[in-house]
Amino acid sequence: MFARLARRLRLVDEGGSQDRLLEQVAADVTETAPLTGRSLLSERVSGALRRVPRDRFVPPERHSSAWTNVALPIGLGQTISQPFIVAIMTELLDLTPDARVLEVGTGSGYQTAMLAELAAEVHTIELLDALAARARTVLGQAGYRNIRFRTGNGAAGWPEAAPFDAIIVTAAAASIPDALRRQLRAPGRMVIPVGRPGLEQSLILVSKDERGTVSERAALPVIFVPLIDRGSEESE
């Protein structure tokens, strides 16, 4: 099943409307329920998926594909994630309206917008200056005011703003960074892809209980660009 789902995530979706996209995401959620434990999206997550305008977050030449259930290139070797992956990663965080979230890998800003719809505060870190600037502009134009931005090393997290109720990482790490484990509140949840580029990757759900005890489980096969650790220099 793992291999079949990994292949499925590479398929090109020919649909092009928002309603069609939501149907496909719902179908993927149901199909992957034996792995994720979630057979349906919550009303909050499905509502955010409907409200966030994905076409704002793709390059102009990709607008015709914005409402397809696939990852799309956004330049600089990066992608905007498949809507199903964005939705299920968000779902697994179990965000509450008062949650404080750390996102590692702002990218296009699409996942950031989903988080901002659902949480009180979003702290997002992007390594690449050009992507960070573009995302900040698009998210500001879309009216999001509960997001703080940082350009720098996401693997180091955001220590002075920690702890976070939830952490989401949108690039694949070879292993889970210790800094992110430490910055997760007890109780709290983190989702992070783990694996090597071009090899099998797993979406890992990390849970920390009230006593600080950490548990991990693989939730889904995934394909992400690698998480790059370039030291701790950061700028806001």
C-alpha atoms as a PDB file:
ATOM      1  CA  MET A   1       0.000   0.000   0.000  1.00  0.00           C
ATOM      2  CA  PHE A   2       2.880   2.368   0.854  1.00  0.00           C
ATOM      3  CA  ALA A   3       4.398   2.072  -2.621  1.00  0.00           C
ATOM      4  CA  ARG A   4       1.006   2.456  -4.340  1.00  0.00           C
ATOM      5  CA  LEU A   5       0.229   5.629  -2.385  1.00  0.00           C
ATOM      6  CA  ALA A   6       3.669   7.065  -3.106  1.00  0.00           C
ATOM      7  CA  ARG A   7       3.059   6.554  -6.831  1.00  0.00           C
ATOM      8  CA  ARG A   8      -0.412   8.114  -6.503  1.00  0.00           C
ATOM      9  CA  LEU A   9       1.094  11.322  -5.123  1.00  0.00           C
ATOM     10  CA  ARG A  10       3.019  11.746  -8.391  1.00  0.00           C
ATOM     11  CA  LEU A  11      -0.036  11.527 -10.642  1.00  0.00           C
ATOM     12  CA  VAL A  12      -1.158  14.581 -12.608  1.00  0.00           C
ATOM     13  CA  ASP A  13      -4.707  15.687 -11.901  1.00  0.00           C
ATOM     14  CA  GLU A  14      -6.642  16.959 -14.911  1.00  0.00           C
ATOM     15  CA  GLY A  15      -9.402  18.680 -12.916  1.00  0.00           C
ATOM     16  CA  GLY A  16      -9.495  22.456 -12.736  1.00  0.00           C
ATOM     17  CA  SER A  17     -12.281  23.817 -10.503  1.00  0.00           C
ATOM     18  CA  GLN A  18     -12.342  24.484  -6.787  1.00  0.00           C
ATOM     19  CA  ASP A  19     -15.295  22.140  -6.222  1.00  0.00           C
ATOM     20  CA  ARG A  20     -13.557  19.373  -8.160  1.00  0.00           C
ATOM     21  CA  LEU A  21     -10.396  19.921  -6.127  1.00  0.00           C
ATOM     22  CA  LEU A  22     -12.264  19.666  -2.827  1.00  0.00           C
ATOM     23  CA  GLU A  23     -13.889  16.419  -3.991  1.00  0.00           C
ATOM     24  CA  GLN A  24     -10.523  14.947  -4.894  1.00  0.00           C
ATOM     25  CA  VAL A  25      -8.954  15.974  -1.608  1.00  0.00           C
ATOM     26  CA  ALA A  26     -11.866  14.411   0.293  1.00  0.00           C
ATOM     27  CA  ALA A  27     -11.470  11.193  -1.708  1.00  0.00           C
ATOM     28  CA  ASP A  28      -7.738  11.056  -0.961  1.00  0.00           C
ATOM     29  CA  VAL A  29      -8.385  11.619   2.742  1.00  0.00           C
ATOM     30  CA  THR A  30     -10.827   8.710   2.810  1.00  0.00           C
ATOM     31  CA  GLU A  31      -8.480   6.420   0.873  1.00  0.00           C
ATOM     32  CA  THR A  32      -5.528   7.107   3.155  1.00  0.00           C
ATOM     33  CA  ALA A  33      -7.514   6.795   6.396  1.00  0.00           C
ATOM     34  CA  PRO A  34      -5.946   3.392   7.289  1.00  0.00           C
ATOM     35  CA  LEU A  35      -2.582   5.178   7.471  1.00  0.00           C
ATOM     36  CA  THR A  36      -3.504   8.611   8.812  1.00  0.00           C
ATOM     37  CA  GLY A  37      -6.388   7.663  11.093  1.00  0.00           C
ATOM     38  CA  ARG A  38      -8.492  10.447   9.557  1.00  0.00           C
ATOM     39  CA  SER A  39     -11.301   9.431   7.213  1.00  0.00           C
ATOM     40  CA  LEU A  40     -12.752  12.946   6.903  1.00  0.00           C
ATOM     41  CA  LEU A  41     -11.437  16.472   7.154  1.00  0.00           C
ATOM     42  CA  SER A  42     -12.813  18.488  10.041  1.00  0.00           C
ATOM     43  CA  GLU A  43     -15.196  21.306   9.187  1.00  0.00           C
ATOM     44  CA  ARG A  44     -12.532  23.841  10.201  1.00  0.00           C
ATOM     45  CA  VAL A  45      -9.883  22.434   7.867  1.00  0.00           C
ATOM     46  CA  SER A  46     -12.237  21.871   4.943  1.00  0.00           C
ATOM     47  CA  GLY A  47     -13.555  25.415   5.412  1.00  0.00           C
ATOM     48  CA  ALA A  48     -10.030  26.838   5.354  1.00  0.00           C
ATOM     49  CA  LEU A  49      -9.253  24.807   2.234  1.00  0.00           C
ATOM     50  CA  ARG A  50     -12.245  26.400   0.534  1.00  0.00           C
ATOM     51  CA  ARG A  51     -11.413  29.941   1.680  1.00  0.00           C
ATOM     52  CA  VAL A  52      -7.709  30.084   0.823  1.00  0.00           C
ATOM     53  CA  PRO A  53      -7.290  31.235  -2.811  1.00  0.00           C
ATOM     54  CA  ARG A  54      -4.625  28.823  -4.095  1.00  0.00           C
ATOM     55  CA  ASP A  55      -4.327  30.703  -7.373  1.00  0.00           C
ATOM     56  CA  ARG A  56      -2.750  33.635  -5.487  1.00  0.00           C
ATOM     57  CA  PHE A  57       0.173  31.442  -4.477  1.00  0.00           C
ATOM     58  CA  VAL A  58       1.235  30.026  -7.845  1.00  0.00           C
ATOM     59  CA  PRO A  59       3.227  31.798 -10.594  1.00  0.00           C
ATOM     60  CA  PRO A  60       1.089  33.483 -13.279  1.00  0.00           C
ATOM     61  CA  GLU A  61       1.988  30.848 -15.854  1.00  0.00           C
ATOM     62  CA  ARG A  62       0.546  28.169 -13.516  1.00  0.00           C
ATOM     63  CA  HIS A  63      -2.815  29.827 -12.821  1.00  0.00           C
ATOM     64  CA  SER A  64      -4.653  27.388 -15.092  1.00  0.00           C
ATOM     65  CA  SER A  65      -3.412  24.541 -12.872  1.00  0.00           C
ATOM     66  CA  ALA A  66      -3.985  26.245  -9.508  1.00  0.00           C
ATOM     67  CA  TRP A  67      -7.105  24.220  -8.688  1.00  0.00           C
ATOM     68  CA  THR A  68      -5.612  20.828  -9.492  1.00  0.00           C
ATOM     69  CA  ASN A  69      -4.709  18.347  -6.772  1.00  0.00           C
ATOM     70  CA  VAL A  70      -0.980  18.290  -7.555  1.00  0.00           C
ATOM     71  CA  ALA A  71       2.215  19.964  -6.441  1.00  0.00           C
ATOM     72  CA  LEU A  72       3.351  22.734  -8.806  1.00  0.00           C
ATOM     73  CA  PRO A  73       6.744  24.385  -9.333  1.00  0.00           C
ATOM     74  CA  ILE A  74       7.108  27.901  -7.933  1.00  0.00           C
ATOM     75  CA  GLY A  75      10.726  28.546  -8.948  1.00  0.00           C
ATOM     76  CA  LEU A  76      14.104  28.182  -7.248  1.00  0.00           C
ATOM     77  CA  GLY A  77      13.691  24.411  -7.234  1.00  0.00           C
ATOM     78  CA  GLN A  78      10.710  24.617  -4.866  1.00  0.00           C
ATOM     79  CA  THR A  79       7.060  23.597  -5.149  1.00  0.00           C
ATOM     80  CA  ILE A  80       3.644  24.499  -3.795  1.00  0.00           C
ATOM     81  CA  SER A  81       2.447  21.308  -2.118  1.00  0.00           C
ATOM     82  CA  GLN A  82      -0.413  19.143  -3.315  1.00  0.00           C
ATOM     83  CA  PRO A  83      -3.651  20.394  -1.674  1.00  0.00           C
ATOM     84  CA  PHE A  84      -4.365  16.934  -0.240  1.00  0.00           C
ATOM     85  CA  ILE A  85      -0.986  16.942   1.529  1.00  0.00           C
ATOM     86  CA  VAL A  86      -1.558  20.489   2.814  1.00  0.00           C
ATOM     87  CA  ALA A  87      -4.986  19.478   4.088  1.00  0.00           C
ATOM     88  CA  ILE A  88      -3.963  16.245   5.820  1.00  0.00           C
ATOM     89  CA  MET A  89      -0.866  17.770   7.426  1.00  0.00           C
ATOM     90  CA  THR A  90      -3.034  20.579   8.754  1.00  0.00           C
ATOM     91  CA  GLU A  91      -5.673  18.109   9.935  1.00  0.00           C
ATOM     92  CA  LEU A  92      -3.126  16.068  11.882  1.00  0.00           C
ATOM     93  CA  LEU A  93      -2.101  19.138  13.899  1.00  0.00           C
ATOM     94  CA  ASP A  94      -5.563  19.380  15.535  1.00  0.00           C
ATOM     95  CA  LEU A  95      -5.303  23.168  15.699  1.00  0.00           C
ATOM     96  CA  THR A  96      -7.468  25.162  18.077  1.00  0.00           C
ATOM     97  CA  PRO A  97      -8.379  28.842  17.497  1.00  0.00           C
ATOM     98  CA  ASP A  98      -5.912  29.948  20.206  1.00  0.00           C
ATOM     99  CA  ALA A  99      -2.989  27.854  18.913  1.00  0.00           C
ATOM    100  CA  ARG A 100       0.488  29.231  18.256  1.00  0.00           C
ATOM    101  CA  VAL A 101       2.104  27.488  15.286  1.00  0.00           C
ATOM    102  CA  LEU A 102       5.626  27.277  13.894  1.00  0.00           C
ATOM    103  CA  GLU A 103       5.957  26.574  10.177  1.00  0.00           C
ATOM    104  CA  VAL A 104       9.366  25.582   8.813  1.00  0.00           C
ATOM    105  CA  GLY A 105       9.413  26.304   5.078  1.00  0.00           C
ATOM    106  CA  THR A 106       7.149  29.208   4.074  1.00  0.00           C
ATOM    107  CA  GLY A 107       7.573  28.442   0.373  1.00  0.00           C
ATOM    108  CA  SER A 108       4.700  29.893  -1.623  1.00  0.00           C
ATOM    109  CA  GLY A 109       2.776  30.844   1.525  1.00  0.00           C
ATOM    110  CA  TYR A 110      -0.171  28.545   0.716  1.00  0.00           C
ATOM    111  CA  GLN A 111       0.286  26.306   3.760  1.00  0.00           C
ATOM    112  CA  THR A 112       0.943  29.436   5.828  1.00  0.00           C
ATOM    113  CA  ALA A 113      -2.429  30.837   4.801  1.00  0.00           C
ATOM    114  CA  MET A 114      -4.162  27.602   5.818  1.00  0.00           C
ATOM    115  CA  LEU A 115      -2.543  27.825   9.247  1.00  0.00           C
ATOM    116  CA  ALA A 116      -3.428  31.508   9.595  1.00  0.00           C
ATOM    117  CA  GLU A 117      -7.082  30.677   8.938  1.00  0.00           C
ATOM    118  CA  LEU A 118      -7.114  28.234  11.860  1.00  0.00           C
ATOM    119  CA  ALA A 119      -4.654  29.469  14.509  1.00  0.00           C
ATOM    120  CA  ALA A 120      -4.155  32.618  16.565  1.00  0.00           C
ATOM    121  CA  GLU A 121      -0.492  33.098  15.609  1.00  0.00           C
ATOM    122  CA  VAL A 122       1.716  31.662  12.881  1.00  0.00           C
ATOM    123  CA  HIS A 123       5.500  31.973  12.974  1.00  0.00           C
ATOM    124  CA  THR A 124       6.937  30.988   9.600  1.00  0.00           C
ATOM    125  CA  ILE A 125      10.563  30.565   8.529  1.00  0.00           C
ATOM    126  CA  GLU A 126      11.916  30.423   4.975  1.00  0.00           C
ATOM    127  CA  LEU A 127      15.538  29.865   3.988  1.00  0.00           C
ATOM    128  CA  LEU A 128      15.365  31.520   0.570  1.00  0.00           C
ATOM    129  CA  ASP A 129      15.122  35.317   0.579  1.00  0.00           C
ATOM    130  CA  ALA A 130      13.244  35.566  -2.721  1.00  0.00           C
ATOM    131  CA  LEU A 131      10.552  33.083  -1.664  1.00  0.00           C
ATOM    132  CA  ALA A 132      10.191  34.697   1.756  1.00  0.00           C
ATOM    133  CA  ALA A 133       9.695  38.161   0.239  1.00  0.00           C
ATOM    134  CA  ARG A 134       7.173  36.901  -2.307  1.00  0.00           C
ATOM    135  CA  ALA A 135       5.168  34.994   0.304  1.00  0.00           C
ATOM    136  CA  ARG A 136       5.128  37.957   2.688  1.00  0.00           C
ATOM    137  CA  THR A 137       3.741  40.171  -0.089  1.00  0.00           C
ATOM    138  CA  VAL A 138       1.065  37.709  -1.213  1.00  0.00           C
ATOM    139  CA  LEU A 139      -0.070  36.914   2.326  1.00  0.00           C
ATOM    140  CA  GLY A 140      -0.252  40.615   3.178  1.00  0.00           C
ATOM    141  CA  GLN A 141      -2.298  41.328   0.079  1.00  0.00           C
ATOM    142  CA  ALA A 142      -4.624  38.461   1.048  1.00  0.00           C
ATOM    143  CA  GLY A 143      -5.289  40.199   4.373  1.00  0.00           C
ATOM    144  CA  TYR A 144      -3.523  37.882   6.840  1.00  0.00           C
ATOM    145  CA  ARG A 145      -2.323  39.810   9.898  1.00  0.00           C
ATOM    146  CA  ASN A 146      -1.521  37.012  12.371  1.00  0.00           C
ATOM    147  CA  ILE A 147       1.705  35.871  10.717  1.00  0.00           C
ATOM    148  CA  ARG A 148       5.290  36.619  11.773  1.00  0.00           C
ATOM    149  CA  PHE A 149       8.037  36.035   9.229  1.00  0.00           C
ATOM    150  CA  ARG A 150      11.667  35.073   9.490  1.00  0.00           C
ATOM    151  CA  THR A 151      14.287  34.349   6.858  1.00  0.00           C
ATOM    152  CA  GLY A 152      16.901  31.856   7.955  1.00  0.00           C
ATOM    153  CA  ASN A 153      17.588  28.358   9.172  1.00  0.00           C
ATOM    154  CA  GLY A 154      14.315  26.564   9.814  1.00  0.00           C
ATOM    155  CA  ALA A 155      15.991  23.529  11.372  1.00  0.00           C
ATOM    156  CA  ALA A 156      16.898  25.757  14.336  1.00  0.00           C
ATOM    157  CA  GLY A 157      13.274  26.768  14.824  1.00  0.00           C
ATOM    158  CA  TRP A 158      12.382  30.059  16.530  1.00  0.00           C
ATOM    159  CA  PRO A 159      13.644  29.653  20.136  1.00  0.00           C
ATOM    160  CA  GLU A 160      12.635  33.048  21.511  1.00  0.00           C
ATOM    161  CA  ALA A 161       9.019  32.535  20.395  1.00  0.00           C
ATOM    162  CA  ALA A 162       8.770  28.955  21.703  1.00  0.00           C
ATOM    163  CA  PRO A 163       7.056  26.886  22.883  1.00  0.00           C
ATOM    164  CA  PHE A 164       4.574  26.222  20.099  1.00  0.00           C
ATOM    165  CA  ASP A 165       1.327  24.269  20.301  1.00  0.00           C
ATOM    166  CA  ALA A 166       2.024  22.854  16.847  1.00  0.00           C
ATOM    167  CA  ILE A 167       4.959  22.656  14.438  1.00  0.00           C
ATOM    168  CA  ILE A 168       4.743  21.834  10.737  1.00  0.00           C
ATOM    169  CA  VAL A 169       7.751  21.226   8.500  1.00  0.00           C
ATOM    170  CA  THR A 170       7.271  21.388   4.739  1.00  0.00           C
ATOM    171  CA  ALA A 171      10.601  19.901   3.634  1.00  0.00           C
ATOM    172  CA  ALA A 172      12.056  16.463   4.288  1.00  0.00           C
ATOM    173  CA  ALA A 173      14.628  16.162   7.066  1.00  0.00           C
ATOM    174  CA  ALA A 174      17.086  13.287   7.318  1.00  0.00           C
ATOM    175  CA  SER A 175      16.020  13.099  10.978  1.00  0.00           C
ATOM    176  CA  ILE A 176      13.826  15.208  13.242  1.00  0.00           C
ATOM    177  CA  PRO A 177      15.815  18.260  14.439  1.00  0.00           C
ATOM    178  CA  ASP A 178      16.306  18.269  18.211  1.00  0.00           C
ATOM    179  CA  ALA A 179      15.630  22.010  18.299  1.00  0.00           C
ATOM    180  CA  LEU A 180      12.105  21.461  16.985  1.00  0.00           C
ATOM    181  CA  ARG A 181      11.408  18.719  19.532  1.00  0.00           C
ATOM    182  CA  ARG A 182      12.442  21.091  22.319  1.00  0.00           C
ATOM    183  CA  GLN A 183      10.286  23.942  20.996  1.00  0.00           C
ATOM    184  CA  LEU A 184       7.110  21.844  20.918  1.00  0.00           C
ATOM    185  CA  ARG A 185       4.814  22.555  23.856  1.00  0.00           C
ATOM    186  CA  ALA A 186       3.600  19.801  26.163  1.00  0.00           C
ATOM    187  CA  PRO A 187       1.003  18.849  25.032  1.00  0.00           C
ATOM    188  CA  GLY A 188       1.661  19.533  21.370  1.00  0.00           C
ATOM    189  CA  ARG A 189       1.862  17.983  17.881  1.00  0.00           C
ATOM    190  CA  MET A 190       4.346  18.197  15.036  1.00  0.00           C
ATOM    191  CA  VAL A 191       4.168  16.870  11.478  1.00  0.00           C
ATOM    192  CA  ILE A 192       7.394  16.508   9.541  1.00  0.00           C
ATOM    193  CA  PRO A 193       8.491  14.554   6.454  1.00  0.00           C
ATOM    194  CA  VAL A 194      11.543  12.410   7.170  1.00  0.00           C
ATOM    195  CA  GLY A 195      13.730  10.757   4.544  1.00  0.00           C
ATOM    196  CA  ARG A 196      16.330  11.352   1.856  1.00  0.00           C
ATOM    197  CA  PRO A 197      15.782  13.071  -1.514  1.00  0.00           C
ATOM    198  CA  GLY A 198      14.821  10.559  -4.176  1.00  0.00           C
ATOM    199  CA  LEU A 199      14.272   7.830  -1.597  1.00  0.00           C
ATOM    200  CA  GLU A 200      11.308   6.749   0.483  1.00  0.00           C
ATOM    201  CA  GLN A 201      10.038   9.516   2.772  1.00  0.00           C
ATOM    202  CA  SER A 202       7.457   9.274   5.542  1.00  0.00           C
ATOM    203  CA  LEU A 203       5.254  11.928   7.052  1.00  0.00           C
ATOM    204  CA  ILE A 204       5.881  11.559  10.787  1.00  0.00           C
ATOM    205  CA  LEU A 205       3.395  12.660  13.431  1.00  0.00           C
ATOM    206  CA  VAL A 206       5.176  13.622  16.652  1.00  0.00           C
ATOM    207  CA  SER A 207       3.029  13.903  19.770  1.00  0.00           C
ATOM    208  CA  LYS A 208       4.159  15.299  23.117  1.00  0.00           C
ATOM    209  CA  ASP A 209       1.869  14.632  26.082  1.00  0.00           C
ATOM    210  CA  GLU A 210       1.297  16.729  29.211  1.00  0.00           C
ATOM    211  CA  ARG A 211       4.294  15.103  30.919  1.00  0.00           C
ATOM    212  CA  GLY A 212       6.569  15.849  27.992  1.00  0.00           C
ATOM    213  CA  THR A 213       6.724  12.257  26.805  1.00  0.00           C
ATOM    214  CA  VAL A 214       7.230  12.129  23.036  1.00  0.00           C
ATOM    215  CA  SER A 215       5.808   9.507  20.680  1.00  0.00           C
ATOM    216  CA  GLU A 216       6.159   9.210  16.919  1.00  0.00           C
ATOM    217  CA  ARG A 217       4.358   7.341  14.174  1.00  0.00           C
ATOM    218  CA  ALA A 218       4.524   7.261  10.394  1.00  0.00           C
ATOM    219  CA  ALA A 219       1.321   8.625   8.874  1.00  0.00           C
ATOM    220  CA  LEU A 220       1.838   8.610   5.103  1.00  0.00           C
ATOM    221  CA  PRO A 221       4.367   8.147   2.295  1.00  0.00           C
ATOM    222  CA  VAL A 222       5.303  11.543   0.879  1.00  0.00           C
ATOM    223  CA  ILE A 223       7.638  13.309  -1.557  1.00  0.00           C
ATOM    224  CA  PHE A 224       9.167  16.622  -0.410  1.00  0.00           C
ATOM    225  CA  VAL A 225      12.165  18.745  -1.313  1.00  0.00           C
ATOM    226  CA  PRO A 226      14.971  18.426   1.276  1.00  0.00           C
ATOM    227  CA  LEU A 227      15.200  20.514   4.432  1.00  0.00           C
ATOM    228  CA  ILE A 228      18.487  22.429   4.225  1.00  0.00           C
ATOM    229  CA  ASP A 229      20.347  23.335   7.420  1.00  0.00           C
ATOM    230  CA  ARG A 230      22.746  26.241   6.798  1.00  0.00           C
ATOM    231  CA  GLY A 231      23.464  27.355  10.334  1.00  0.00           C
ATOM    232  CA  SER A 232      21.660  29.692  12.670  1.00  0.00           C
ATOM    233  CA  GLU A 233      21.918  33.112  10.986  1.00  0.00           C
ATOM    234  CA  GLU A 234      18.453  34.635  10.809  1.00  0.00           C
ATOM    235  CA  SER A 235      16.739  37.924  10.019  1.00  0.00           C
ATOM    236  CA  GLU A 236      13.220  39.201  10.642  1.00  0.00           C
END
